[in-house]
Amino acid sequence: MTRTARRALGLVSAASLMALTAGGAMAQDKRTIAVSIPAATHGWTGGVVYHAEQAEKEIEAAFPNIDVIVKTSPSATAQVSALEDLSAGQTLDALVILPFTSEELTGPVEQVKSNGTYIAVVDRGLTDPTIQDLYVAGDNIAVGANTAKWMAEKLGGEGKIVVLRGIPTVIDDERIQGFTDVMKDTNIEILDIQYANWNQDEAFSLMQDYLAKYPHIDAVWANDDDMLLGVLEAVKQSGRTEIKYALGGNGMKDVIEMVKANDPVTPISTPYPPSMIKSAIYMTAAQFAGQAPMRGNFKLDAPLITPENADQFYFPDSPF
């Protein structure tokens, strides 16, 4: 992320509504911002829902002329229906969406865009990025690549590993790309790589399958901390002791606690804060409240979380 992009994202994601208030008097027309997000089907999306609802309360309290409508959906099909309902009976000035899946939501979002609606996409990008006016996400290629570099170094460039994928989305593709591109330059063999949909229970079942199928596994990359918890439980129940490392990502507080304790199997993570939805909602509201148009791509950095810096990423009161 460029210095300008990082500064712009940082200012708004700090929830400094005082900055928006300074220009709020200049824009009194009623504005409607729809926020469409997945339901709290796992820990990370639970955090997304929490931060979206916080943004709704704060913005509406500060700016009576801005109406923020938060809708959650348990599936891609339900999210498509939610978009149809949101746009059918009212004019949407802006849509902030975290797509359940990229491919299924691209067409419906394009339809909303055709009505002149400003589109802010968060995290799981659309298959056609030209539809979006604003894109806020973590650096998913770096999430995969930084994890792979650490793992490859610790394994000495040799070994056998398994990988768990999330939901078929642009961000999952990018994470896998970043990870596998690094591993191509090593002698580490990826034994298997399958989807577990960023779900703890599905990851538990998939890891059980991996353990039954492969007699020796040196390390596991779960791609996500919810899946990591399922992996760790499966390994624990199996009694297998050869697995040196099991890593996830996203900075779940339970995993950060492992990192802080210098857990030998999970000594690192990578940040991917669900509060990015709040940043996107603030950035969208800024153009209506303070006449500060936001356009372009804004990516969060993905440094390794280690025992030395874990306190910076630990938020015990967060739902994630």
C-alpha atoms as a PDB file:
ATOM      1  CA  MET A   1       0.000   0.000   0.000  1.00  0.00           C
ATOM      2  CA  THR A   2       1.343   3.439  -0.843  1.00  0.00           C
ATOM      3  CA  ARG A   3       2.031   5.969   1.872  1.00  0.00           C
ATOM      4  CA  THR A   4      -0.886   8.115   0.651  1.00  0.00           C
ATOM      5  CA  ALA A   5      -3.272   5.149   0.656  1.00  0.00           C
ATOM      6  CA  ARG A   6      -2.088   4.019   4.091  1.00  0.00           C
ATOM      7  CA  ARG A   7      -2.556   7.531   5.492  1.00  0.00           C
ATOM      8  CA  ALA A   8      -6.047   7.891   4.007  1.00  0.00           C
ATOM      9  CA  LEU A   9      -7.143   4.500   5.294  1.00  0.00           C
ATOM     10  CA  GLY A  10      -5.614   5.107   8.696  1.00  0.00           C
ATOM     11  CA  LEU A  11      -7.361   8.438   9.168  1.00  0.00           C
ATOM     12  CA  VAL A  12     -10.795   7.044   8.437  1.00  0.00           C
ATOM     13  CA  SER A  13     -10.371   3.670  10.097  1.00  0.00           C
ATOM     14  CA  ALA A  14      -9.434   5.481  13.310  1.00  0.00           C
ATOM     15  CA  ALA A  15     -13.144   6.392  13.475  1.00  0.00           C
ATOM     16  CA  SER A  16     -12.341  10.070  13.798  1.00  0.00           C
ATOM     17  CA  LEU A  17     -15.869  11.270  13.180  1.00  0.00           C
ATOM     18  CA  MET A  18     -14.761  14.695  14.337  1.00  0.00           C
ATOM     19  CA  ALA A  19     -12.988  15.018  10.995  1.00  0.00           C
ATOM     20  CA  LEU A  20     -16.195  14.182   9.173  1.00  0.00           C
ATOM     21  CA  THR A  21     -18.229  16.511  11.365  1.00  0.00           C
ATOM     22  CA  ALA A  22     -16.127  19.451  10.272  1.00  0.00           C
ATOM     23  CA  GLY A  23     -17.662  19.192   6.811  1.00  0.00           C
ATOM     24  CA  GLY A  24     -20.979  17.685   7.751  1.00  0.00           C
ATOM     25  CA  ALA A  25     -22.879  20.954   7.657  1.00  0.00           C
ATOM     26  CA  MET A  26     -22.153  21.249   3.953  1.00  0.00           C
ATOM     27  CA  ALA A  27     -24.175  18.156   3.037  1.00  0.00           C
ATOM     28  CA  GLN A  28     -27.707  18.012   4.448  1.00  0.00           C
ATOM     29  CA  ASP A  29     -29.517  16.026   1.743  1.00  0.00           C
ATOM     30  CA  LYS A  30     -30.773  12.680   2.959  1.00  0.00           C
ATOM     31  CA  ARG A  31     -28.375   9.896   1.974  1.00  0.00           C
ATOM     32  CA  THR A  32     -28.780   6.133   2.193  1.00  0.00           C
ATOM     33  CA  ILE A  33     -25.820   3.781   2.545  1.00  0.00           C
ATOM     34  CA  ALA A  34     -26.634   0.064   2.329  1.00  0.00           C
ATOM     35  CA  VAL A  35     -24.175  -2.373   3.888  1.00  0.00           C
ATOM     36  CA  SER A  36     -24.429  -5.987   2.712  1.00  0.00           C
ATOM     37  CA  ILE A  37     -22.288  -8.520   4.569  1.00  0.00           C
ATOM     38  CA  PRO A  38     -22.204 -12.254   5.326  1.00  0.00           C
ATOM     39  CA  ALA A  39     -23.896 -13.397   8.516  1.00  0.00           C
ATOM     40  CA  ALA A  40     -21.730 -14.378  11.475  1.00  0.00           C
ATOM     41  CA  THR A  41     -21.086 -17.898  10.219  1.00  0.00           C
ATOM     42  CA  HIS A  42     -17.620 -17.988  11.815  1.00  0.00           C
ATOM     43  CA  GLY A  43     -15.443 -15.850  14.061  1.00  0.00           C
ATOM     44  CA  TRP A  44     -14.089 -13.440  11.450  1.00  0.00           C
ATOM     45  CA  THR A  45     -17.487 -12.627   9.976  1.00  0.00           C
ATOM     46  CA  GLY A  46     -18.788 -12.251  13.531  1.00  0.00           C
ATOM     47  CA  GLY A  47     -16.238  -9.482  13.890  1.00  0.00           C
ATOM     48  CA  VAL A  48     -17.368  -7.978  10.566  1.00  0.00           C
ATOM     49  CA  VAL A  49     -20.990  -7.832  11.755  1.00  0.00           C
ATOM     50  CA  TYR A  50     -19.912  -6.259  15.054  1.00  0.00           C
ATOM     51  CA  HIS A  51     -17.857  -3.498  13.404  1.00  0.00           C
ATOM     52  CA  ALA A  52     -20.506  -2.791  10.745  1.00  0.00           C
ATOM     53  CA  GLU A  53     -23.172  -2.325  13.407  1.00  0.00           C
ATOM     54  CA  GLN A  54     -20.842  -0.054  15.391  1.00  0.00           C
ATOM     55  CA  ALA A  55     -20.258   2.096  12.300  1.00  0.00           C
ATOM     56  CA  GLU A  56     -24.019   2.277  11.677  1.00  0.00           C
ATOM     57  CA  LYS A  57     -24.694   3.579  15.198  1.00  0.00           C
ATOM     58  CA  GLU A  58     -21.830   6.076  15.195  1.00  0.00           C
ATOM     59  CA  ILE A  59     -22.481   7.561  11.758  1.00  0.00           C
ATOM     60  CA  GLU A  60     -26.241   7.887  12.240  1.00  0.00           C
ATOM     61  CA  ALA A  61     -25.693   9.515  15.639  1.00  0.00           C
ATOM     62  CA  ALA A  62     -23.280  12.050  14.159  1.00  0.00           C
ATOM     63  CA  PHE A  63     -25.157  12.668  10.898  1.00  0.00           C
ATOM     64  CA  PRO A  64     -28.988  12.484  10.989  1.00  0.00           C
ATOM     65  CA  ASN A  65     -29.046  12.969   7.197  1.00  0.00           C
ATOM     66  CA  ILE A  66     -27.194   9.676   6.625  1.00  0.00           C
ATOM     67  CA  ASP A  67     -29.146   6.429   6.938  1.00  0.00           C
ATOM     68  CA  VAL A  68     -26.970   3.306   7.199  1.00  0.00           C
ATOM     69  CA  ILE A  69     -28.777   0.005   6.600  1.00  0.00           C
ATOM     70  CA  VAL A  70     -26.880  -3.164   7.580  1.00  0.00           C
ATOM     71  CA  LYS A  71     -28.120  -6.454   6.120  1.00  0.00           C
ATOM     72  CA  THR A  72     -26.518  -9.840   6.827  1.00  0.00           C
ATOM     73  CA  SER A  73     -26.897 -12.923   4.629  1.00  0.00           C
ATOM     74  CA  PRO A  74     -26.100 -16.587   5.420  1.00  0.00           C
ATOM     75  CA  SER A  75     -25.289 -17.530   1.809  1.00  0.00           C
ATOM     76  CA  ALA A  76     -24.465 -16.081  -1.596  1.00  0.00           C
ATOM     77  CA  THR A  77     -28.015 -16.751  -2.790  1.00  0.00           C
ATOM     78  CA  ALA A  78     -29.450 -14.967   0.227  1.00  0.00           C
ATOM     79  CA  GLN A  79     -27.122 -12.019  -0.351  1.00  0.00           C
ATOM     80  CA  VAL A  80     -28.304 -11.692  -3.952  1.00  0.00           C
ATOM     81  CA  SER A  81     -31.900 -11.582  -2.666  1.00  0.00           C
ATOM     82  CA  ALA A  82     -30.924  -9.029  -0.022  1.00  0.00           C
ATOM     83  CA  LEU A  83     -29.467  -6.738  -2.703  1.00  0.00           C
ATOM     84  CA  GLU A  84     -32.670  -7.004  -4.715  1.00  0.00           C
ATOM     85  CA  ASP A  85     -34.738  -6.119  -1.634  1.00  0.00           C
ATOM     86  CA  LEU A  86     -32.469  -3.208  -0.683  1.00  0.00           C
ATOM     87  CA  SER A  87     -32.590  -1.596  -4.115  1.00  0.00           C
ATOM     88  CA  ALA A  88     -36.227  -2.343  -4.946  1.00  0.00           C
ATOM     89  CA  GLY A  89     -37.993   0.097  -2.652  1.00  0.00           C
ATOM     90  CA  GLN A  90     -35.507   2.948  -2.278  1.00  0.00           C
ATOM     91  CA  THR A  91     -32.684   4.856  -3.911  1.00  0.00           C
ATOM     92  CA  LEU A  92     -29.286   3.749  -2.672  1.00  0.00           C
ATOM     93  CA  ASP A  93     -26.650   6.463  -2.728  1.00  0.00           C
ATOM     94  CA  ALA A  94     -23.972   3.927  -1.844  1.00  0.00           C
ATOM     95  CA  LEU A  95     -23.513   0.205  -1.340  1.00  0.00           C
ATOM     96  CA  VAL A  96     -20.768  -1.173   0.883  1.00  0.00           C
ATOM     97  CA  ILE A  97     -20.547  -4.900   0.250  1.00  0.00           C
ATOM     98  CA  LEU A  98     -18.434  -7.764   1.463  1.00  0.00           C
ATOM     99  CA  PRO A  99     -19.464 -10.397  -1.103  1.00  0.00           C
ATOM    100  CA  PHE A 100     -20.216 -13.883   0.177  1.00  0.00           C
ATOM    101  CA  THR A 101     -18.587 -15.219  -2.986  1.00  0.00           C
ATOM    102  CA  SER A 102     -17.000 -13.239  -5.805  1.00  0.00           C
ATOM    103  CA  GLU A 103     -18.528 -14.803  -8.908  1.00  0.00           C
ATOM    104  CA  GLU A 104     -22.130 -15.029  -7.746  1.00  0.00           C
ATOM    105  CA  LEU A 105     -22.277 -11.428  -6.482  1.00  0.00           C
ATOM    106  CA  THR A 106     -20.537  -9.668  -9.375  1.00  0.00           C
ATOM    107  CA  GLY A 107     -23.607  -9.498 -11.645  1.00  0.00           C
ATOM    108  CA  PRO A 108     -26.049  -8.365  -8.920  1.00  0.00           C
ATOM    109  CA  VAL A 109     -23.640  -5.652  -7.731  1.00  0.00           C
ATOM    110  CA  GLU A 110     -23.193  -4.479 -11.316  1.00  0.00           C
ATOM    111  CA  GLN A 111     -26.977  -4.144 -11.545  1.00  0.00           C
ATOM    112  CA  VAL A 112     -27.018  -1.945  -8.419  1.00  0.00           C
ATOM    113  CA  LYS A 113     -24.178   0.111  -9.902  1.00  0.00           C
ATOM    114  CA  SER A 114     -26.220   0.738 -13.066  1.00  0.00           C
ATOM    115  CA  ASN A 115     -28.630   2.843 -11.000  1.00  0.00           C
ATOM    116  CA  GLY A 116     -25.863   5.342 -10.217  1.00  0.00           C
ATOM    117  CA  THR A 117     -25.008   3.863  -6.827  1.00  0.00           C
ATOM    118  CA  TYR A 118     -21.490   4.324  -5.448  1.00  0.00           C
ATOM    119  CA  ILE A 119     -19.952   0.870  -4.864  1.00  0.00           C
ATOM    120  CA  ALA A 120     -17.460   0.090  -2.097  1.00  0.00           C
ATOM    121  CA  VAL A 121     -16.233  -3.512  -2.029  1.00  0.00           C
ATOM    122  CA  VAL A 122     -14.551  -4.988   1.017  1.00  0.00           C
ATOM    123  CA  ASP A 123     -12.294  -8.010   1.345  1.00  0.00           C
ATOM    124  CA  ARG A 124     -13.681 -10.520  -1.176  1.00  0.00           C
ATOM    125  CA  GLY A 125     -13.293  -8.688  -4.475  1.00  0.00           C
ATOM    126  CA  LEU A 126     -15.625  -8.952  -7.458  1.00  0.00           C
ATOM    127  CA  THR A 127     -14.563 -10.845 -10.566  1.00  0.00           C
ATOM    128  CA  ASP A 128     -14.891  -7.550 -12.475  1.00  0.00           C
ATOM    129  CA  PRO A 129     -13.023  -4.906 -10.455  1.00  0.00           C
ATOM    130  CA  THR A 130     -14.151  -2.094 -12.771  1.00  0.00           C
ATOM    131  CA  ILE A 131     -17.556  -2.170 -11.054  1.00  0.00           C
ATOM    132  CA  GLN A 132     -16.196  -0.895  -7.753  1.00  0.00           C
ATOM    133  CA  ASP A 133     -15.428   2.743  -6.924  1.00  0.00           C
ATOM    134  CA  LEU A 134     -13.595   1.803  -3.732  1.00  0.00           C
ATOM    135  CA  TYR A 135     -11.877  -1.416  -2.662  1.00  0.00           C
ATOM    136  CA  VAL A 136     -10.663  -2.015   0.896  1.00  0.00           C
ATOM    137  CA  ALA A 137      -8.908  -5.266   1.769  1.00  0.00           C
ATOM    138  CA  GLY A 138      -5.887  -6.849   3.302  1.00  0.00           C
ATOM    139  CA  ASP A 139      -2.916  -7.811   1.164  1.00  0.00           C
ATOM    140  CA  ASN A 140      -3.890 -11.438   0.681  1.00  0.00           C
ATOM    141  CA  ILE A 141      -0.934 -12.314  -1.535  1.00  0.00           C
ATOM    142  CA  ALA A 142       1.336 -11.089   1.263  1.00  0.00           C
ATOM    143  CA  VAL A 143      -0.655 -13.086   3.846  1.00  0.00           C
ATOM    144  CA  GLY A 144       0.128 -16.273   1.914  1.00  0.00           C
ATOM    145  CA  ALA A 145       3.655 -15.344   0.877  1.00  0.00           C
ATOM    146  CA  ASN A 146       4.835 -14.144   4.302  1.00  0.00           C
ATOM    147  CA  THR A 147       3.481 -17.273   5.960  1.00  0.00           C
ATOM    148  CA  ALA A 148       5.105 -19.504   3.332  1.00  0.00           C
ATOM    149  CA  LYS A 149       8.485 -17.796   3.679  1.00  0.00           C
ATOM    150  CA  TRP A 150       8.461 -18.304   7.440  1.00  0.00           C
ATOM    151  CA  MET A 151       7.355 -21.942   7.149  1.00  0.00           C
ATOM    152  CA  ALA A 152       9.861 -22.745   4.407  1.00  0.00           C
ATOM    153  CA  GLU A 153      12.710 -21.282   6.436  1.00  0.00           C
ATOM    154  CA  LYS A 154      11.729 -23.187   9.576  1.00  0.00           C
ATOM    155  CA  LEU A 155      11.427 -26.461   7.628  1.00  0.00           C
ATOM    156  CA  GLY A 156      14.779 -25.888   5.946  1.00  0.00           C
ATOM    157  CA  GLY A 157      13.151 -25.917   2.522  1.00  0.00           C
ATOM    158  CA  GLU A 158      12.249 -29.616   2.846  1.00  0.00           C
ATOM    159  CA  GLY A 159       9.162 -31.538   3.927  1.00  0.00           C
ATOM    160  CA  LYS A 160       5.576 -32.496   3.252  1.00  0.00           C
ATOM    161  CA  ILE A 161       2.666 -30.170   4.030  1.00  0.00           C
ATOM    162  CA  VAL A 162      -1.106 -29.910   3.581  1.00  0.00           C
ATOM    163  CA  VAL A 163      -3.133 -26.773   2.907  1.00  0.00           C
ATOM    164  CA  LEU A 164      -6.759 -25.834   3.592  1.00  0.00           C
ATOM    165  CA  ARG A 165      -8.562 -23.386   1.316  1.00  0.00           C
ATOM    166  CA  GLY A 166     -11.415 -21.076   2.312  1.00  0.00           C
ATOM    167  CA  ILE A 167     -14.443 -20.141   0.204  1.00  0.00           C
ATOM    168  CA  PRO A 168     -14.002 -19.773  -3.590  1.00  0.00           C
ATOM    169  CA  THR A 169     -13.263 -16.044  -3.730  1.00  0.00           C
ATOM    170  CA  VAL A 170     -10.665 -13.652  -5.068  1.00  0.00           C
ATOM    171  CA  ILE A 171      -9.019 -13.328  -1.655  1.00  0.00           C
ATOM    172  CA  ASP A 172      -8.690 -17.090  -1.228  1.00  0.00           C
ATOM    173  CA  ASP A 173      -7.160 -17.301  -4.705  1.00  0.00           C
ATOM    174  CA  GLU A 174      -4.684 -14.574  -3.780  1.00  0.00           C
ATOM    175  CA  ARG A 175      -3.693 -16.188  -0.492  1.00  0.00           C
ATOM    176  CA  ILE A 176      -3.104 -19.515  -2.199  1.00  0.00           C
ATOM    177  CA  GLN A 177      -1.174 -17.806  -4.998  1.00  0.00           C
ATOM    178  CA  GLY A 178       1.108 -16.030  -2.543  1.00  0.00           C
ATOM    179  CA  PHE A 179       1.732 -19.222  -0.596  1.00  0.00           C
ATOM    180  CA  THR A 180       2.274 -21.610  -3.507  1.00  0.00           C
ATOM    181  CA  ASP A 181       4.481 -19.191  -5.466  1.00  0.00           C
ATOM    182  CA  VAL A 182       6.921 -19.182  -2.563  1.00  0.00           C
ATOM    183  CA  MET A 183       6.751 -22.949  -2.110  1.00  0.00           C
ATOM    184  CA  LYS A 184       7.550 -23.550  -5.807  1.00  0.00           C
ATOM    185  CA  ASP A 185      11.100 -22.398  -5.113  1.00  0.00           C
ATOM    186  CA  THR A 186      11.602 -24.967  -2.333  1.00  0.00           C
ATOM    187  CA  ASN A 187      11.688 -28.759  -2.062  1.00  0.00           C
ATOM    188  CA  ILE A 188       8.557 -28.712   0.087  1.00  0.00           C
ATOM    189  CA  GLU A 189       5.787 -30.917  -1.307  1.00  0.00           C
ATOM    190  CA  ILE A 190       2.158 -29.821  -0.949  1.00  0.00           C
ATOM    191  CA  LEU A 191       0.458 -33.181  -0.457  1.00  0.00           C
ATOM    192  CA  ASP A 192      -3.100 -31.905  -0.685  1.00  0.00           C
ATOM    193  CA  ILE A 193      -5.086 -28.686  -0.901  1.00  0.00           C
ATOM    194  CA  GLN A 194      -8.885 -28.646  -0.497  1.00  0.00           C
ATOM    195  CA  TYR A 195     -11.658 -26.259   0.540  1.00  0.00           C
ATOM    196  CA  ALA A 196     -12.959 -26.118   4.117  1.00  0.00           C
ATOM    197  CA  ASN A 197     -14.900 -22.865   3.653  1.00  0.00           C
ATOM    198  CA  TRP A 198     -13.280 -20.942   6.521  1.00  0.00           C
ATOM    199  CA  ASN A 199     -15.291 -23.121   8.875  1.00  0.00           C
ATOM    200  CA  GLN A 200     -13.901 -24.722  12.028  1.00  0.00           C
ATOM    201  CA  ASP A 201     -16.010 -27.891  11.833  1.00  0.00           C
ATOM    202  CA  GLU A 202     -15.299 -28.443   8.143  1.00  0.00           C
ATOM    203  CA  ALA A 203     -11.588 -27.888   8.777  1.00  0.00           C
ATOM    204  CA  PHE A 204     -11.694 -30.458  11.581  1.00  0.00           C
ATOM    205  CA  SER A 205     -13.229 -33.033   9.219  1.00  0.00           C
ATOM    206  CA  LEU A 206     -10.853 -32.223   6.366  1.00  0.00           C
ATOM    207  CA  MET A 207      -7.815 -32.465   8.646  1.00  0.00           C
ATOM    208  CA  GLN A 208      -9.045 -35.842   9.870  1.00  0.00           C
ATOM    209  CA  ASP A 209      -9.125 -36.928   6.211  1.00  0.00           C
ATOM    210  CA  TYR A 210      -5.609 -35.611   5.648  1.00  0.00           C
ATOM    211  CA  LEU A 211      -4.331 -37.441   8.724  1.00  0.00           C
ATOM    212  CA  ALA A 212      -5.914 -40.690   7.589  1.00  0.00           C
ATOM    213  CA  LYS A 213      -4.565 -40.318   4.052  1.00  0.00           C
ATOM    214  CA  TYR A 214      -0.995 -39.197   4.728  1.00  0.00           C
ATOM    215  CA  PRO A 215       1.225 -41.062   7.212  1.00  0.00           C
ATOM    216  CA  HIS A 216       3.660 -38.148   7.553  1.00  0.00           C
ATOM    217  CA  ILE A 217       2.878 -34.424   7.552  1.00  0.00           C
ATOM    218  CA  ASP A 218       5.481 -31.866   8.564  1.00  0.00           C
ATOM    219  CA  ALA A 219       3.261 -28.781   8.667  1.00  0.00           C
ATOM    220  CA  VAL A 220      -0.224 -27.420   7.933  1.00  0.00           C
ATOM    221  CA  TRP A 221      -1.335 -24.073   6.577  1.00  0.00           C
ATOM    222  CA  ALA A 222      -4.983 -23.509   7.424  1.00  0.00           C
ATOM    223  CA  ASN A 223      -5.251 -20.126   5.639  1.00  0.00           C
ATOM    224  CA  ASP A 224      -7.532 -18.793   8.413  1.00  0.00           C
ATOM    225  CA  ASP A 225      -7.662 -18.934  12.216  1.00  0.00           C
ATOM    226  CA  ASP A 226     -11.159 -20.419  12.416  1.00  0.00           C
ATOM    227  CA  MET A 227      -9.964 -23.330  10.297  1.00  0.00           C
ATOM    228  CA  LEU A 228      -6.761 -23.498  12.321  1.00  0.00           C
ATOM    229  CA  LEU A 229      -8.710 -24.261  15.496  1.00  0.00           C
ATOM    230  CA  GLY A 230     -10.380 -27.202  13.739  1.00  0.00           C
ATOM    231  CA  VAL A 231      -7.005 -28.414  12.478  1.00  0.00           C
ATOM    232  CA  LEU A 232      -5.426 -28.245  15.921  1.00  0.00           C
ATOM    233  CA  GLU A 233      -8.284 -30.215  17.474  1.00  0.00           C
ATOM    234  CA  ALA A 234      -8.035 -32.913  14.789  1.00  0.00           C
ATOM    235  CA  VAL A 235      -4.289 -33.214  15.307  1.00  0.00           C
ATOM    236  CA  LYS A 236      -4.752 -33.369  19.072  1.00  0.00           C
ATOM    237  CA  GLN A 237      -7.331 -36.152  18.828  1.00  0.00           C
ATOM    238  CA  SER A 238      -5.159 -38.113  16.394  1.00  0.00           C
ATOM    239  CA  GLY A 239      -2.195 -38.223  18.744  1.00  0.00           C
ATOM    240  CA  ARG A 240       0.145 -37.488  15.827  1.00  0.00           C
ATOM    241  CA  THR A 241       3.351 -35.799  16.981  1.00  0.00           C
ATOM    242  CA  GLU A 242       5.369 -35.271  13.783  1.00  0.00           C
ATOM    243  CA  ILE A 243       3.547 -32.094  12.742  1.00  0.00           C
ATOM    244  CA  LYS A 244       5.935 -29.271  13.585  1.00  0.00           C
ATOM    245  CA  TYR A 245       3.787 -26.279  12.657  1.00  0.00           C
ATOM    246  CA  ALA A 246       0.097 -25.517  12.145  1.00  0.00           C
ATOM    247  CA  LEU A 247      -0.499 -21.943  10.993  1.00  0.00           C
ATOM    248  CA  GLY A 248      -3.570 -19.917  10.135  1.00  0.00           C
ATOM    249  CA  GLY A 249      -4.072 -16.193   9.641  1.00  0.00           C
ATOM    250  CA  ASN A 250      -6.393 -13.241  10.380  1.00  0.00           C
ATOM    251  CA  GLY A 251      -5.267 -12.478  13.927  1.00  0.00           C
ATOM    252  CA  MET A 252      -8.043 -14.113  15.973  1.00  0.00           C
ATOM    253  CA  LYS A 253      -7.525 -13.237  19.629  1.00  0.00           C
ATOM    254  CA  ASP A 254      -7.398 -16.930  20.645  1.00  0.00           C
ATOM    255  CA  VAL A 255      -4.549 -17.481  18.191  1.00  0.00           C
ATOM    256  CA  ILE A 256      -2.787 -14.272  19.202  1.00  0.00           C
ATOM    257  CA  GLU A 257      -2.794 -15.664  22.742  1.00  0.00           C
ATOM    258  CA  MET A 258      -0.951 -18.730  21.412  1.00  0.00           C
ATOM    259  CA  VAL A 259       1.571 -16.478  19.696  1.00  0.00           C
ATOM    260  CA  LYS A 260       2.024 -14.380  22.833  1.00  0.00           C
ATOM    261  CA  ALA A 261       2.725 -17.595  24.766  1.00  0.00           C
ATOM    262  CA  ASN A 262       5.285 -18.629  22.104  1.00  0.00           C
ATOM    263  CA  ASP A 263       3.349 -21.795  21.301  1.00  0.00           C
ATOM    264  CA  PRO A 264       5.766 -24.204  19.565  1.00  0.00           C
ATOM    265  CA  VAL A 265       3.237 -25.295  16.914  1.00  0.00           C
ATOM    266  CA  THR A 266       1.551 -21.928  16.288  1.00  0.00           C
ATOM    267  CA  PRO A 267       4.191 -19.261  17.031  1.00  0.00           C
ATOM    268  CA  ILE A 268       3.101 -16.767  14.328  1.00  0.00           C
ATOM    269  CA  SER A 269       0.016 -15.386  12.616  1.00  0.00           C
ATOM    270  CA  THR A 270      -0.836 -12.604  10.156  1.00  0.00           C
ATOM    271  CA  PRO A 271      -3.315  -9.725  10.665  1.00  0.00           C
ATOM    272  CA  TYR A 272      -6.500  -9.418   8.653  1.00  0.00           C
ATOM    273  CA  PRO A 273      -8.789  -7.286  10.829  1.00  0.00           C
ATOM    274  CA  PRO A 274     -12.578  -7.539  10.396  1.00  0.00           C
ATOM    275  CA  SER A 275     -12.678  -3.827  11.305  1.00  0.00           C
ATOM    276  CA  MET A 276     -11.821  -3.114   7.649  1.00  0.00           C
ATOM    277  CA  ILE A 277     -15.594  -3.072   7.038  1.00  0.00           C
ATOM    278  CA  LYS A 278     -15.830  -0.128   9.413  1.00  0.00           C
ATOM    279  CA  SER A 279     -13.065   1.668   7.534  1.00  0.00           C
ATOM    280  CA  ALA A 280     -14.941   1.203   4.257  1.00  0.00           C
ATOM    281  CA  ILE A 281     -18.223   2.486   5.709  1.00  0.00           C
ATOM    282  CA  TYR A 282     -16.484   5.581   7.118  1.00  0.00           C
ATOM    283  CA  MET A 283     -14.725   6.229   3.828  1.00  0.00           C
ATOM    284  CA  THR A 284     -18.040   5.942   1.990  1.00  0.00           C
ATOM    285  CA  ALA A 285     -19.801   8.252   4.460  1.00  0.00           C
ATOM    286  CA  ALA A 286     -16.978  10.791   4.205  1.00  0.00           C
ATOM    287  CA  GLN A 287     -17.999  11.884   0.730  1.00  0.00           C
ATOM    288  CA  PHE A 288     -21.542  12.639   1.911  1.00  0.00           C
ATOM    289  CA  ALA A 289     -20.685  14.110   5.317  1.00  0.00           C
ATOM    290  CA  GLY A 290     -17.511  15.960   4.478  1.00  0.00           C
ATOM    291  CA  GLN A 291     -17.453  16.133   0.669  1.00  0.00           C
ATOM    292  CA  ALA A 292     -14.319  13.982   0.619  1.00  0.00           C
ATOM    293  CA  PRO A 293     -14.687  11.612  -2.340  1.00  0.00           C
ATOM    294  CA  MET A 294     -12.892   8.309  -1.898  1.00  0.00           C
ATOM    295  CA  ARG A 295     -11.803   6.301  -4.940  1.00  0.00           C
ATOM    296  CA  GLY A 296      -9.272   3.553  -5.580  1.00  0.00           C
ATOM    297  CA  ASN A 297      -7.771   0.522  -3.863  1.00  0.00           C
ATOM    298  CA  PHE A 298      -6.679   0.552  -0.236  1.00  0.00           C
ATOM    299  CA  LYS A 299      -4.765  -2.446   1.089  1.00  0.00           C
ATOM    300  CA  LEU A 300      -3.717  -3.206   4.639  1.00  0.00           C
ATOM    301  CA  ASP A 301      -0.226  -4.491   5.332  1.00  0.00           C
ATOM    302  CA  ALA A 302       0.296  -8.128   6.385  1.00  0.00           C
ATOM    303  CA  PRO A 303       3.353  -8.300   8.650  1.00  0.00           C
ATOM    304  CA  LEU A 304       4.011 -11.474  10.598  1.00  0.00           C
ATOM    305  CA  ILE A 305       2.604 -11.418  14.125  1.00  0.00           C
ATOM    306  CA  THR A 306       5.289 -12.796  16.429  1.00  0.00           C
ATOM    307  CA  PRO A 307       5.732 -13.046  20.213  1.00  0.00           C
ATOM    308  CA  GLU A 308       7.704  -9.797  20.023  1.00  0.00           C
ATOM    309  CA  ASN A 309       4.928  -7.688  18.469  1.00  0.00           C
ATOM    310  CA  ALA A 310       1.780  -9.677  19.349  1.00  0.00           C
ATOM    311  CA  ASP A 311       0.550  -7.120  21.876  1.00  0.00           C
ATOM    312  CA  GLN A 312      -0.013  -4.645  19.023  1.00  0.00           C
ATOM    313  CA  PHE A 313      -2.562  -7.032  17.470  1.00  0.00           C
ATOM    314  CA  TYR A 314      -4.268  -8.303  20.625  1.00  0.00           C
ATOM    315  CA  PHE A 315      -7.735  -6.961  21.421  1.00  0.00           C
ATOM    316  CA  PRO A 316      -9.258  -9.056  24.233  1.00  0.00           C
ATOM    317  CA  ASP A 317     -12.638  -7.285  24.099  1.00  0.00           C
ATOM    318  CA  SER A 318     -13.109  -7.922  20.395  1.00  0.00           C
ATOM    319  CA  PRO A 319     -15.561 -10.643  19.294  1.00  0.00           C
ATOM    320  CA  PHE A 320     -12.778 -12.034  17.084  1.00  0.00           C
END
